[in-house]
C-alpha cells in the first residue's frame, strides 16, 4: 500500500476512521432524539437522560477494558469485533420492547465503539514501525525544547495520521446533532440507530480487507484467558463505575455513601494490581512513567474546561441572554469549527517543534479564553461571545493532538491499547465532572455571576495545565552511545 504524507497507508487510515468516528458521532447524535423517545416510551427528562449517561458510563469503563483486550488479543480482531457488535445492536434497537432495553442497547453501543481508538493507535504504530528500516531510530531529530519528538520506544509520532483521525472524530461530533435532526425529522428516532448499520457494515468489509492480520502468537482465546487479570478488571470496573455515578449525582442529589465505597474499592484495586504478575491496570508503570501520568491528568483537565464551556455557555446564552436555540447554535459553532481547522496547524507544529510546544501554546490560549469569560455580561456585544468561542476552539485542536502525540510518545508499546483506553476514560471523566460543576453552580445561580464562578474554576485548571505543559520534557537530556538513543525529561533512556 502506498504511504503518503500521513505517514501510514491512506487506505489503512480510512478504514480506522470508520471505527473512530462512531463513538463521538453517537455521543452527540442522540441529543436530538431524546424528546421523541420520551413521547414514545412515556418517560420523563431525568429518565431519558440515561440514554446519554449510560453511554458515557459504559464508554468510560469500556475504553481501558477494550484497550487491554486489544493488547492481549490483537487490534484487528477487536476492531472488527467492535464494529460487528455495533452493527448488531443498532439493527435491533427499533425493536426494543421497552425504554430500559434501549438503554442496554446504548451501553452495548458504547462497548462496541470503545475498541476503535485503542486499536487504531496499535495499528498506526505497527504501520509506522513497518515503514522504518531495521535498526533505524529517529530520536536524534530533537527540537529546541528538549523534546525528541519521538516516542520512548523509538518510533516517530505520526502526527499527520493522528491529526486526520482527530479531524474525523471532531467533525463527526460537531455534525452529530445536525445529522440526527435530519434523520429524526424524516424517519423517526429509530433512524439514529439504523444509520449505523450500513456504516458499520462498510467498516467491517474495509477492515477485513485492509487491516493487517495479527501474528500467530496473538491469535486464540487461550492466551488471553491465561493472561487476563480478571480480579483487577472487576475491581477497576467497580471503582470507576462508583466514581462516575457519584460525580453524576453531585448536580442533583449527591450519593455520599458512594465515597467510602469507592475508596475501599480503589484501595483493593491498588493492592491487587501491585501483587498481580500481569496486572490489568499497571499501577507501578503509571507511577514510574511520569510522562504518561501527566498526559492522562492533562486529558482530564482539558476536557473539564472544554465541556464547561461547551455545555455552560449555551445555558447562559439561552437563559440569561435570551437567545433562541438557533442563535445559540450559531454562536457555539465557531468553537467546534475552529478546533477542526486548527488540528492540521497543530500537526505541523508537532512535526516541527514536538508535542511540548503544541501543548504549551494550546494551554496558554486556553488560559486566555477562560479569562475572557470574565468579560461576558448581559450587555456584552455578540462579537465578544464569538471571540470567546474562537479562543476556546484553538486549544481544542492544539491540546487534542498534542496530548495524543504525547500519549504515543509516553506509552510502552506493549500497553499502547491500554494507554489509549485510559486516555479516553479521562476524557469522559473530564466531561462528567464538568456537568457536575455546572449542575452545582447553575442550580443555585444560573446568572452571569454563576458563569463567572465557573470561569474562575476553569482559569485555575487551565493554569495548572499550562504548568504541566511547561514541565514536560524539561530540557534535561543526554545522549547515550553514538547518539542513536536519547534520554529525556526524567532521565529514562528511550
Protein backbone atom coordinates (compact mmCIF):
# COMPACT_ATOMS: atom_id res chain seq x y z
CA UNK A 1 0.00 0.00 0.00
CA UNK A 2 1.33 3.47 -0.82
CA UNK A 3 2.46 5.59 2.10
CA UNK A 4 1.51 9.28 1.65
CA UNK A 5 2.23 12.31 3.78
CA UNK A 6 0.12 10.90 6.63
CA UNK A 7 2.97 8.53 7.48
CA UNK A 8 0.73 5.46 7.21
CA UNK A 9 -1.12 3.97 4.22
CA UNK A 10 -4.15 6.09 3.30
CA UNK A 11 -6.46 3.10 2.94
CA UNK A 12 -5.49 1.88 6.42
CA UNK A 13 -6.22 5.31 7.86
CA UNK A 14 -9.58 5.48 6.07
CA UNK A 15 -10.54 2.09 7.47
CA UNK A 16 -9.62 3.15 11.01
CA UNK A 17 -11.61 6.37 10.62
CA UNK A 18 -14.77 4.31 10.03
CA UNK A 19 -14.45 2.99 13.57
CA UNK A 20 -13.10 6.00 15.45
CA UNK A 21 -15.89 8.37 14.34
CA UNK A 22 -18.67 6.16 15.71
CA UNK A 23 -18.15 6.97 19.38
CA UNK A 24 -18.25 10.79 19.10
CA UNK A 25 -20.98 10.63 16.45
CA UNK A 26 -23.30 8.55 18.62
CA UNK A 27 -22.40 10.57 21.71
CA UNK A 28 -23.82 13.74 20.14
CA UNK A 29 -26.41 12.43 17.67
CA UNK A 30 -28.71 11.03 20.38
CA UNK A 31 -29.35 14.52 21.82
CA UNK A 32 -31.95 15.44 19.19
CA UNK A 33 -33.80 12.11 19.62
CA UNK A 34 -34.40 12.44 23.38
CA UNK A 35 -37.73 14.29 23.12
CA UNK A 36 -39.26 11.84 20.59
CA UNK A 37 -38.04 8.96 22.75
CA UNK A 38 -39.68 10.49 25.82
CA UNK A 39 -43.02 10.54 23.96
CA UNK A 40 -42.52 7.07 22.50
CA UNK A 41 -41.83 5.34 25.83
CA UNK A 42 -43.66 7.71 28.20
CA UNK A 43 -40.64 8.67 30.31
CA UNK A 44 -39.51 11.99 31.77
CA UNK A 45 -36.46 14.10 31.10
CA UNK A 46 -34.45 12.64 34.01
CA UNK A 47 -35.13 9.08 32.87
CA UNK A 48 -34.40 9.76 29.21
CA UNK A 49 -31.03 11.26 30.17
CA UNK A 50 -29.84 7.73 30.96
CA UNK A 51 -29.52 7.21 27.22
CA UNK A 52 -26.68 9.74 27.43
CA UNK A 53 -25.31 8.94 30.90
CA UNK A 54 -25.42 5.18 30.32
CA UNK A 55 -23.40 5.57 27.13
CA UNK A 56 -20.83 7.76 28.90
CA UNK A 57 -20.51 5.39 31.85
CA UNK A 58 -20.12 2.31 29.66
CA UNK A 59 -17.59 4.03 27.39
CA UNK A 60 -15.54 5.35 30.32
CA UNK A 61 -15.26 1.84 31.79
CA UNK A 62 -15.13 0.05 28.45
CA UNK A 63 -12.30 2.04 26.85
CA UNK A 64 -9.45 0.75 29.08
CA UNK A 65 -11.06 -2.70 29.24
CA UNK A 66 -11.22 -2.94 25.45
CA UNK A 67 -7.76 -1.37 25.23
CA UNK A 68 -6.28 -4.13 27.35
CA UNK A 69 -8.06 -6.74 25.24
CA UNK A 70 -6.54 -5.09 22.15
CA UNK A 71 -3.09 -5.57 23.69
CA UNK A 72 -3.78 -9.21 24.50
CA UNK A 73 -5.96 -10.42 21.60
CA UNK A 74 -4.83 -8.21 18.73
CA UNK A 75 -6.00 -4.88 17.32
CA UNK A 76 -7.56 -6.18 14.10
CA UNK A 77 -9.71 -8.76 15.85
CA UNK A 78 -11.06 -6.28 18.41
CA UNK A 79 -11.59 -3.53 15.83
CA UNK A 80 -13.73 -5.81 13.64
CA UNK A 81 -15.49 -7.31 16.68
CA UNK A 82 -16.45 -3.87 17.96
CA UNK A 83 -17.93 -2.90 14.59
CA UNK A 84 -19.86 -6.19 14.44
CA UNK A 85 -21.33 -5.64 17.91
CA UNK A 86 -22.29 -2.09 16.98
CA UNK A 87 -23.96 -3.27 13.78
CA UNK A 88 -25.98 -5.97 15.53
CA UNK A 89 -27.31 -3.90 18.44
CA UNK A 90 -28.19 -0.91 16.22
CA UNK A 91 -30.17 -3.21 13.93
CA UNK A 92 -32.08 -4.48 16.98
CA UNK A 93 -32.72 -1.04 18.53
CA UNK A 94 -36.01 -0.23 16.73
CA UNK A 95 -37.49 -3.46 18.11
CA UNK A 96 -36.67 -2.69 21.76
CA UNK A 97 -39.75 -3.68 23.83
CA UNK A 98 -39.14 -1.02 26.49
CA UNK A 99 -37.10 2.03 27.37
CA UNK A 100 -34.55 0.25 29.58
CA UNK A 101 -33.90 -2.24 26.80
CA UNK A 102 -32.89 0.75 24.71
CA UNK A 103 -30.58 1.95 27.49
CA UNK A 104 -28.98 -1.50 27.46
CA UNK A 105 -28.51 -1.22 23.70
CA UNK A 106 -26.81 2.16 24.18
CA UNK A 107 -24.48 0.55 26.73
CA UNK A 108 -23.55 -2.17 24.23
CA UNK A 109 -23.03 0.51 21.58
CA UNK A 110 -20.57 2.23 23.89
CA UNK A 111 -18.69 -1.03 24.45
CA UNK A 112 -18.58 -1.74 20.71
CA UNK A 113 -17.25 1.72 19.83
CA UNK A 114 -14.69 1.60 22.66
CA UNK A 115 -12.46 -0.79 20.72
CA UNK A 116 -11.75 1.61 17.86
CA UNK A 117 -9.40 4.22 19.34
CA UNK A 118 -7.08 1.81 21.24
CA UNK A 119 -6.97 -0.50 18.22
CA UNK A 120 -6.24 2.43 15.89
CA UNK A 121 -3.25 3.51 17.99
CA UNK A 122 -1.81 -0.01 17.94
CA UNK A 123 -2.34 -0.43 14.19
CA UNK A 124 -0.88 3.01 13.39
CA UNK A 125 2.20 2.23 15.49
CA UNK A 126 2.63 -1.09 13.70
CA UNK A 127 2.31 0.64 10.31
CA UNK A 128 4.85 3.32 11.24
CA UNK A 129 7.37 0.80 12.55
CA UNK A 130 6.96 -1.38 9.46
CA UNK A 131 7.96 1.58 7.29
CA UNK A 132 11.19 2.19 9.23
CA UNK A 133 14.35 0.39 8.10
CA UNK A 134 15.64 -2.15 10.57
CA UNK A 135 17.62 -0.54 13.37
CA UNK A 136 16.55 2.98 12.45
CA UNK A 137 15.82 5.27 15.36
CA UNK A 138 14.84 8.83 14.68
CA UNK A 139 15.27 10.03 18.22
CA UNK A 140 18.13 12.25 17.18
CA UNK A 141 15.72 14.66 15.48
CA UNK A 142 15.15 16.74 18.57
CA UNK A 143 13.56 20.13 18.75
CA UNK A 144 14.90 23.07 20.66
CA UNK A 145 12.54 22.45 23.56
CA UNK A 146 14.41 19.37 24.66
CA UNK A 147 11.70 17.10 23.31
CA UNK A 148 12.94 14.48 20.95
CA UNK A 149 9.62 14.46 19.17
CA UNK A 150 9.65 10.68 19.23
CA UNK A 151 8.18 8.01 21.36
CA UNK A 152 10.02 6.48 24.22
CA UNK A 153 10.19 3.26 22.31
CA UNK A 154 11.90 4.53 19.20
CA UNK A 155 9.17 5.25 16.63
CA UNK A 156 8.46 8.74 15.40
CA UNK A 157 4.97 10.01 16.35
CA UNK A 158 2.79 10.04 13.20
CA UNK A 159 1.31 13.49 13.82
CA UNK A 160 -0.38 13.68 10.40
CA UNK A 161 -2.17 10.36 10.88
CA UNK A 162 -3.26 11.27 14.40
CA UNK A 163 -4.44 14.65 13.10
CA UNK A 164 -6.53 13.00 10.38
CA UNK A 165 -8.31 10.79 12.93
CA UNK A 166 -8.79 13.79 15.26
CA UNK A 167 -10.35 15.86 12.47
CA UNK A 168 -12.66 12.98 11.55
CA UNK A 169 -13.77 12.46 15.15
CA UNK A 170 -14.22 16.19 15.85
CA UNK A 171 -16.19 16.70 12.66
CA UNK A 172 -18.47 13.74 13.38
CA UNK A 173 -19.15 15.04 16.90
CA UNK A 174 -19.95 18.52 15.57
CA UNK A 175 -22.20 17.20 12.79
CA UNK A 176 -23.91 14.62 15.01
CA UNK A 177 -26.83 16.85 16.09
CA UNK A 178 -27.31 18.10 12.51
CA UNK A 179 -27.39 14.57 11.07
CA UNK A 180 -29.53 13.35 13.95
CA UNK A 181 -32.04 16.18 13.49
CA UNK A 182 -32.39 15.37 9.79
CA UNK A 183 -32.83 11.65 10.46
CA UNK A 184 -35.39 12.11 13.24
CA UNK A 185 -37.40 14.63 11.18
CA UNK A 186 -37.65 12.33 8.15
CA UNK A 187 -37.55 8.81 9.61
CA UNK A 188 -38.19 8.97 13.38
CA UNK A 189 -35.95 8.20 16.36
CA UNK A 190 -35.22 4.73 15.01
CA UNK A 191 -33.10 6.27 12.27
CA UNK A 192 -30.37 7.49 14.67
CA UNK A 193 -29.70 3.81 15.42
CA UNK A 194 -30.30 2.31 11.97
CA UNK A 195 -27.94 4.77 10.25
CA UNK A 196 -25.07 2.93 11.97
CA UNK A 197 -25.93 -0.40 10.31
CA UNK A 198 -24.75 0.29 6.74
CA UNK A 199 -21.92 2.43 8.09
CA UNK A 200 -20.54 -0.34 10.32
CA UNK A 201 -21.14 -2.98 7.65
CA UNK A 202 -18.98 -0.99 5.25
CA UNK A 203 -16.41 -0.53 8.02
CA UNK A 204 -16.25 -4.29 8.63
CA UNK A 205 -15.68 -5.03 4.95
CA UNK A 206 -12.90 -2.43 4.75
CA UNK A 207 -11.29 -3.65 7.96
CA UNK A 208 -11.29 -7.31 6.91
CA UNK A 209 -9.74 -6.38 3.58
CA UNK A 210 -7.25 -3.69 4.63
CA UNK A 211 -6.19 -4.17 8.24
CA UNK A 212 -3.07 -6.33 8.70
CA UNK A 213 -3.63 -9.75 10.17
CA UNK A 214 -2.17 -10.34 13.65
CA UNK A 215 0.87 -12.55 14.20
CA UNK A 216 0.05 -16.15 15.02
CA UNK A 217 1.18 -15.70 18.64
CA UNK A 218 -1.67 -13.25 19.36
CA UNK A 219 -4.38 -15.48 17.98
CA UNK A 220 -6.72 -17.61 20.05
CA UNK A 221 -8.63 -17.16 23.31
CA UNK A 222 -6.47 -19.42 25.46
CA UNK A 223 -3.51 -16.98 25.81
CA UNK A 224 -5.98 -14.25 26.75
CA UNK A 225 -7.71 -16.39 29.40
CA UNK A 226 -4.34 -17.26 30.93
CA UNK A 227 -3.09 -13.67 30.87
CA UNK A 228 -6.10 -11.56 31.77
CA UNK A 229 -6.24 -10.21 35.33
CA UNK A 230 -9.95 -10.86 35.98
CA UNK A 231 -10.00 -9.68 39.64
CA UNK A 232 -8.20 -6.47 38.65
CA UNK A 233 -10.58 -5.94 35.74
CA UNK A 234 -13.64 -6.34 38.00
CA UNK A 235 -12.22 -4.10 40.73
CA UNK A 236 -11.29 -1.42 38.18
CA UNK A 237 -14.77 -1.52 36.63
CA UNK A 238 -16.48 -1.33 40.03
CA UNK A 239 -14.25 1.51 41.25
CA UNK A 240 -14.67 3.60 38.12
CA UNK A 241 -18.42 2.99 37.92
CA UNK A 242 -18.88 4.03 41.54
CA UNK A 243 -16.80 7.18 40.99
CA UNK A 244 -18.70 8.17 37.85
CA UNK A 245 -22.13 7.57 39.38
CA UNK A 246 -21.09 9.74 42.36
CA UNK A 247 -19.91 12.53 40.06
CA UNK A 248 -23.16 12.37 38.07
CA UNK A 249 -25.17 12.62 41.29
CA UNK A 250 -23.46 15.81 42.51
CA UNK A 251 -25.64 18.11 40.41
CA UNK A 252 -28.89 16.81 41.89
CA UNK A 253 -28.78 14.54 44.94
CA UNK A 254 -25.22 13.64 45.90
CA UNK A 255 -24.83 9.97 46.77
CA UNK A 256 -22.28 10.46 49.57
CA UNK A 257 -22.44 6.80 50.59
CA UNK A 258 -20.53 6.01 47.40
CA UNK A 259 -17.42 7.90 48.60
CA UNK A 260 -16.26 5.35 51.22
CA UNK A 261 -17.23 2.52 48.88
CA UNK A 262 -15.08 3.96 46.07
CA UNK A 263 -12.16 4.49 48.50
CA UNK A 264 -12.34 0.87 49.65
CA UNK A 265 -12.62 -0.43 46.10
CA UNK A 266 -9.71 1.76 44.95
CA UNK A 267 -7.52 0.53 47.82
CA UNK A 268 -8.38 -3.08 46.98
CA UNK A 269 -7.63 -2.39 43.30
CA UNK A 270 -4.19 -0.92 44.03
CA UNK A 271 -3.32 -3.77 46.40
CA UNK A 272 -4.41 -6.37 43.86
CA UNK A 273 -2.59 -4.77 40.92
CA UNK A 274 0.66 -4.35 42.85
CA UNK A 275 0.63 -8.08 43.60
CA UNK A 276 -0.59 -9.32 40.18
CA UNK A 277 2.11 -10.73 37.86
CA UNK A 278 0.30 -9.30 34.79
CA UNK A 279 -1.95 -6.51 36.15
CA UNK A 280 -4.93 -5.15 34.25
CA UNK A 281 -4.01 -1.65 35.50
CA UNK A 282 -0.25 -1.24 35.65
CA UNK A 283 -0.09 0.86 38.83
CA UNK A 284 3.70 0.61 39.12
CA UNK A 285 4.09 1.60 35.50
CA UNK A 286 1.84 4.65 35.89
CA UNK A 287 3.75 5.78 38.99
CA UNK A 288 7.13 5.27 37.31
CA UNK A 289 6.07 6.72 33.95
CA UNK A 290 5.52 10.34 34.95
CA UNK A 291 5.10 11.45 31.36
CA UNK A 292 2.16 9.08 30.81
CA UNK A 293 0.53 10.00 34.13
CA UNK A 294 0.86 13.69 33.26
CA UNK A 295 -0.77 13.12 29.86
CA UNK A 296 -3.76 11.39 31.47
CA UNK A 297 -4.15 14.17 34.04
CA UNK A 298 -3.95 16.85 31.35
CA UNK A 299 -6.54 14.98 29.29
CA UNK A 300 -8.98 15.11 32.19
CA UNK A 301 -8.29 18.81 32.85
CA UNK A 302 -8.55 19.88 29.21
CA UNK A 303 -11.92 18.17 28.84
CA UNK A 304 -13.18 19.56 32.13
CA UNK A 305 -12.57 23.10 30.84
CA UNK A 306 -13.80 22.37 27.32
CA UNK A 307 -17.10 20.83 28.38
CA UNK A 308 -17.71 23.53 30.99
CA UNK A 309 -17.71 25.93 28.02
CA UNK A 310 -19.46 23.60 25.57
CA UNK A 311 -22.35 22.91 27.97
CA UNK A 312 -22.26 26.03 30.14
CA UNK A 313 -22.10 28.79 27.54
CA UNK A 314 -25.29 27.67 25.73
CA UNK A 315 -27.13 27.57 29.08
CA UNK A 316 -26.06 31.14 29.83
CA UNK A 317 -26.82 32.37 26.31
CA UNK A 318 -30.31 30.87 26.35
CA UNK A 319 -31.35 31.55 29.96
CA UNK A 320 -29.59 34.85 30.72
CA UNK A 321 -29.13 36.50 27.34
CA UNK A 322 -32.44 35.15 25.99
CA UNK A 323 -31.12 33.97 22.62
CA UNK A 324 -33.11 31.34 20.71
CA UNK A 325 -31.72 27.87 20.20
CA UNK A 326 -30.87 28.59 16.56
CA UNK A 327 -28.84 31.67 17.53
CA UNK A 328 -27.14 29.80 20.37
CA UNK A 329 -26.11 27.06 17.95
CA UNK A 330 -24.59 29.61 15.58
CA UNK A 331 -22.69 31.31 18.42
CA UNK A 332 -21.24 27.99 19.60
CA UNK A 333 -20.41 26.76 16.09
CA UNK A 334 -17.08 28.70 15.90
CA UNK A 335 -15.83 26.68 18.88
CA UNK A 336 -16.27 23.35 17.08
CA UNK A 337 -15.17 24.59 13.67
CA UNK A 338 -12.04 26.29 14.99
CA UNK A 339 -10.99 23.07 16.72
CA UNK A 340 -11.28 21.19 13.42
CA UNK A 341 -9.44 23.90 11.46
CA UNK A 342 -6.62 24.16 13.99
CA UNK A 343 -5.84 20.43 14.01
CA UNK A 344 -3.81 20.43 10.74
CA UNK A 345 -1.94 23.51 12.01
CA UNK A 346 -1.24 21.69 15.26
CA UNK A 347 0.03 18.69 13.27
CA UNK A 348 2.54 20.97 11.57
CA UNK A 349 3.67 22.38 14.91
CA UNK A 350 4.07 18.86 16.31
CA UNK A 351 6.21 17.81 13.35
CA UNK A 352 8.42 20.89 13.65
CA UNK A 353 8.59 21.56 17.40
CA UNK A 354 7.24 18.47 19.15
CA UNK A 355 4.31 17.86 21.49
CA UNK A 356 5.65 20.12 24.25
CA UNK A 357 5.46 23.32 22.16
CA UNK A 358 2.00 22.30 20.93
CA UNK A 359 0.70 21.79 24.46
CA UNK A 360 2.29 24.97 25.80
CA UNK A 361 0.65 27.07 23.08
CA UNK A 362 -2.71 25.33 23.42
CA UNK A 363 -2.73 25.66 27.22
CA UNK A 364 -1.73 29.34 27.05
CA UNK A 365 -4.61 30.13 24.66
CA UNK A 366 -6.95 28.06 26.84
CA UNK A 367 -5.93 30.15 29.86
CA UNK A 368 -6.59 33.34 27.89
CA UNK A 369 -10.02 32.04 26.89
CA UNK A 370 -11.02 31.36 30.49
CA UNK A 371 -10.09 34.95 31.39
CA UNK A 372 -12.27 36.28 28.55
CA UNK A 373 -15.23 34.56 30.25
CA UNK A 374 -14.99 37.28 32.93
CA UNK A 375 -15.74 39.86 30.21
CA UNK A 376 -19.11 38.30 29.38
CA UNK A 377 -22.10 40.22 30.76
CA UNK A 378 -25.77 40.73 29.99
CA UNK A 379 -24.89 43.59 27.65
CA UNK A 380 -21.74 42.14 26.06
CA UNK A 381 -21.62 42.59 22.26
CA UNK A 382 -22.06 39.44 20.22
CA UNK A 383 -18.52 39.86 18.87
CA UNK A 384 -17.11 39.28 22.38
CA UNK A 385 -19.04 36.00 22.58
CA UNK A 386 -17.73 34.94 19.18
CA UNK A 387 -14.15 35.82 20.20
CA UNK A 388 -14.53 33.70 23.34
CA UNK A 389 -15.81 30.77 21.26
CA UNK A 390 -12.91 31.13 18.83
CA UNK A 391 -10.36 31.26 21.66
CA UNK A 392 -11.68 28.02 23.12
CA UNK A 393 -11.69 26.39 19.69
CA UNK A 394 -7.97 26.99 19.10
CA UNK A 395 -6.75 24.89 22.06
CA UNK A 396 -9.34 22.30 21.09
CA UNK A 397 -7.16 21.48 18.09
CA UNK A 398 -3.75 22.00 19.68
CA UNK A 399 -4.36 20.25 23.01
CA UNK A 400 -6.20 17.29 21.50
CA UNK A 401 -3.46 16.49 19.01
CA UNK A 402 -0.64 17.47 21.38
CA UNK A 403 -1.94 15.09 24.03
CA UNK A 404 -2.48 12.25 21.56
CA UNK A 405 1.09 12.68 20.33
CA UNK A 406 2.38 12.84 23.91
CA UNK A 407 0.44 9.65 24.69
CA UNK A 408 2.04 7.93 21.69
CA UNK A 409 5.47 9.05 22.92
CA UNK A 410 4.98 8.06 26.56
CA UNK A 411 3.16 4.74 26.29
CA UNK A 412 5.07 1.42 26.34
CA UNK A 413 4.43 -0.36 23.01
CA UNK A 414 3.06 -3.49 24.71
CA UNK A 415 0.44 -1.40 26.53
CA UNK A 416 -0.49 1.05 23.79
CA UNK A 417 -4.07 -0.23 23.69
CA UNK A 418 -4.46 0.03 27.47
CA UNK A 419 -2.98 3.54 27.47
CA UNK A 420 -5.31 4.60 24.67
CA UNK A 421 -8.28 3.26 26.62
CA UNK A 422 -7.27 5.11 29.79
CA UNK A 423 -6.76 8.25 27.71
CA UNK A 424 -10.38 8.09 26.55
CA UNK A 425 -11.57 7.32 30.09
CA UNK A 426 -10.01 10.54 31.34
CA UNK A 427 -11.84 12.38 28.56
CA UNK A 428 -15.12 11.08 29.92
CA UNK A 429 -14.07 11.86 33.49
CA UNK A 430 -13.48 15.47 32.48
CA UNK A 431 -16.80 15.66 30.65
CA UNK A 432 -18.79 14.13 33.51
CA UNK A 433 -17.05 16.32 36.09
CA UNK A 434 -17.93 19.40 34.03
CA UNK A 435 -21.63 18.52 34.12
CA UNK A 436 -21.38 18.14 37.90
CA UNK A 437 -19.68 21.54 38.24
CA UNK A 438 -22.29 23.23 36.05
CA UNK A 439 -25.12 21.50 37.90
CA UNK A 440 -23.83 22.57 41.31
CA UNK A 441 -23.22 26.20 40.28
CA UNK A 442 -26.14 26.83 37.91
CA UNK A 443 -28.69 25.01 40.08
CA UNK A 444 -28.15 27.76 42.66
CA UNK A 445 -27.20 30.67 40.43
CA UNK A 446 -27.88 30.47 36.69
CA UNK A 447 -26.70 34.01 36.02
CA UNK A 448 -23.70 35.95 34.80
CA UNK A 449 -22.25 35.74 38.29
CA UNK A 450 -22.59 31.95 38.21
CA UNK A 451 -20.88 31.86 34.80
CA UNK A 452 -18.02 33.92 36.23
CA UNK A 453 -17.66 31.49 39.14
CA UNK A 454 -17.36 28.62 36.67
CA UNK A 455 -14.90 30.76 34.69
CA UNK A 456 -12.57 31.19 37.68
CA UNK A 457 -12.56 27.42 38.23
CA UNK A 458 -11.68 26.95 34.55
CA UNK A 459 -8.89 29.53 34.91
CA UNK A 460 -7.39 27.62 37.84
CA UNK A 461 -7.47 24.34 35.90
CA UNK A 462 -6.04 25.99 32.76
CA UNK A 463 -3.17 27.48 34.80
CA UNK A 464 -2.28 24.02 36.12
CA UNK A 465 -2.43 22.63 32.58
CA UNK A 466 -0.02 25.31 31.38
CA UNK A 467 2.41 24.49 34.19
CA UNK A 468 2.25 20.78 33.35
CA UNK A 469 2.87 21.54 29.68
CA UNK A 470 5.88 23.70 30.55
CA UNK A 471 7.24 20.98 32.83
CA UNK A 472 7.00 18.33 30.11
CA UNK A 473 10.47 17.26 28.89
CA UNK A 474 12.08 19.95 31.00
CA UNK A 475 15.11 20.35 28.75
CA UNK A 476 17.41 17.92 30.57
CA UNK A 477 18.66 15.38 28.08
CA UNK A 478 21.74 13.36 27.47
CA UNK A 479 22.97 11.28 24.60
CA UNK A 480 23.79 7.64 25.06
CA UNK A 481 26.39 5.88 22.99
CA UNK A 482 26.74 7.27 19.49
CA UNK A 483 23.63 9.34 19.64
CA UNK A 484 21.15 6.74 18.46
CA UNK A 485 19.41 6.76 21.83
CA UNK A 486 18.47 9.79 23.86
CA UNK A 487 17.33 10.25 27.43
CA UNK A 488 14.80 12.98 28.01
CA UNK A 489 12.75 14.52 30.80
CA UNK A 490 13.22 12.19 33.76
CA UNK A 491 16.47 10.62 32.59
CA UNK A 492 14.96 7.39 31.30
CA UNK A 493 16.58 6.11 28.14
CA UNK A 494 14.44 5.94 25.07
